[in-house]
Protein backbone atom coordinates (compact mmCIF):
# COMPACT_ATOMS: atom_id res chain seq x y z
CA MET A 1 24.08 23.12 -19.48
CA PRO A 2 23.43 26.93 -20.34
CA ALA A 3 21.16 28.90 -18.08
CA ASN A 4 19.40 32.12 -18.15
CA PHE A 5 18.93 34.19 -15.16
CA THR A 6 16.76 37.52 -14.78
CA VAL A 7 18.75 39.48 -12.12
CA VAL A 8 16.44 42.65 -12.56
CA THR A 9 13.00 42.22 -13.57
CA PRO A 10 11.91 44.86 -16.24
CA GLN A 11 11.33 48.12 -14.42
CA THR A 12 11.80 51.78 -14.47
CA ALA A 13 12.95 52.14 -10.94
CA ALA A 14 16.65 51.91 -9.87
CA LYS A 15 17.45 48.54 -8.50
CA THR A 16 20.67 47.20 -7.03
CA THR A 17 20.88 43.47 -6.96
CA GLY A 18 22.16 41.09 -4.31
CA TYR A 19 25.17 38.89 -5.10
CA PHE A 20 25.35 37.10 -8.27
CA ASP A 21 27.66 34.00 -7.79
CA ALA A 22 29.63 33.48 -10.93
CA THR A 23 32.26 31.12 -9.06
CA PRO A 24 30.82 27.99 -10.91
CA PHE A 25 31.20 29.41 -14.42
CA ASP A 26 33.99 30.18 -16.76
CA GLY A 27 32.27 33.39 -17.72
CA VAL A 28 28.85 35.04 -17.92
CA ASN A 29 27.21 37.24 -20.49
CA VAL A 30 25.43 40.07 -18.98
CA CYS A 31 22.79 42.24 -21.00
CA ALA A 32 20.36 44.96 -20.47
CA ASP A 33 17.35 45.85 -22.57
CA ASN A 34 15.89 49.20 -23.17
CA LEU A 35 18.42 51.54 -22.00
CA ALA A 36 18.45 54.95 -23.45
CA ALA A 37 20.73 58.12 -23.23
CA ALA A 38 22.59 58.32 -19.92
CA GLU A 39 20.91 55.36 -18.39
CA VAL A 40 23.31 52.62 -17.09
CA VAL A 41 23.80 49.47 -15.30
CA ASN A 42 27.04 49.73 -13.08
CA ILE A 43 28.77 46.51 -12.61
CA LEU A 44 30.45 46.04 -9.28
CA VAL A 45 32.68 43.09 -8.07
CA VAL A 46 32.53 41.88 -4.66
CA CYS A 47 35.74 42.56 -2.78
CA GLY A 48 35.72 41.35 0.82
CA SER A 49 32.76 43.26 2.56
CA VAL A 50 32.95 46.00 -0.17
CA ASN A 51 31.47 46.23 -3.65
CA LYS A 52 33.97 48.04 -5.98
CA PRO A 53 33.34 49.21 -9.49
CA LEU A 54 34.55 46.49 -12.14
CA THR A 55 37.18 48.20 -14.41
CA ASP A 56 39.26 47.50 -17.47
CA ALA A 57 42.91 47.55 -17.40
CA ALA A 58 42.88 51.35 -17.99
CA GLY A 59 40.75 51.91 -14.81
CA THR A 60 37.58 52.62 -16.80
CA ALA A 61 34.40 51.33 -15.11
CA ILE A 62 32.66 48.63 -17.16
CA LYS A 63 28.98 49.33 -17.32
CA LEU A 64 25.94 48.51 -19.57
CA THR A 65 24.87 51.54 -21.63
CA ALA A 66 22.30 52.18 -24.43
CA THR A 67 25.59 51.73 -26.86
CA VAL A 68 27.14 48.87 -25.01
CA PRO A 69 24.12 46.72 -23.80
CA PHE A 70 25.97 43.47 -23.29
CA VAL A 71 29.39 42.57 -21.82
CA PHE A 72 31.24 39.22 -21.09
CA LEU A 73 32.42 38.91 -17.51
CA ASN A 74 34.98 36.34 -16.18
CA GLY A 75 33.54 33.85 -13.94
CA GLY A 76 35.00 33.01 -10.53
CA ALA A 77 33.93 36.16 -8.91
CA PHE A 78 30.70 37.59 -7.13
CA TYR A 79 29.08 40.38 -9.06
CA VAL A 80 26.51 43.05 -8.07
CA PHE A 81 24.55 44.90 -10.71
CA ASP A 82 23.32 48.53 -10.07
CA LYS A 83 20.54 49.75 -12.42
CA THR A 84 19.84 53.57 -12.65
CA VAL A 85 16.29 54.85 -13.16
CA THR A 86 15.22 54.43 -16.68
CA ALA A 87 12.44 55.94 -18.73
CA GLY A 88 11.28 52.55 -20.08
CA LEU A 89 11.00 49.24 -18.50
CA CYS A 90 14.49 47.82 -18.42
CA GLY A 91 15.73 44.30 -17.38
CA VAL A 92 19.10 42.84 -16.59
CA TYR A 93 19.93 39.18 -17.62
CA VAL A 94 22.66 36.90 -17.06
CA ASN A 95 23.35 33.92 -19.42
CA VAL A 96 25.91 31.14 -18.18
CA LYS A 97 27.16 27.81 -19.29
CA GLN A 98 28.20 25.67 -16.42
CA ARG A 99 31.92 24.32 -16.40
């Protein structure tokens, strides 16, 4: 059954979420609305007791931006979303489908 989660309610302030548990899912879709210019949502993966930036195979950090407001993440991990200060109200949302 599909489910939608608001992990950051629309706001202009910076916000770091708690852990989002993606272990029950094959994958999750993450999106942010209303990002502009250099505003970003950094995506971190929980590695033991440390949150590390999620990177692609080339080592480039995967993040939500004004030009890339949506990404698909593998399930089976815990994620943290770190939204920077934004000029307009910006929320972060996760859409999942149960295995």
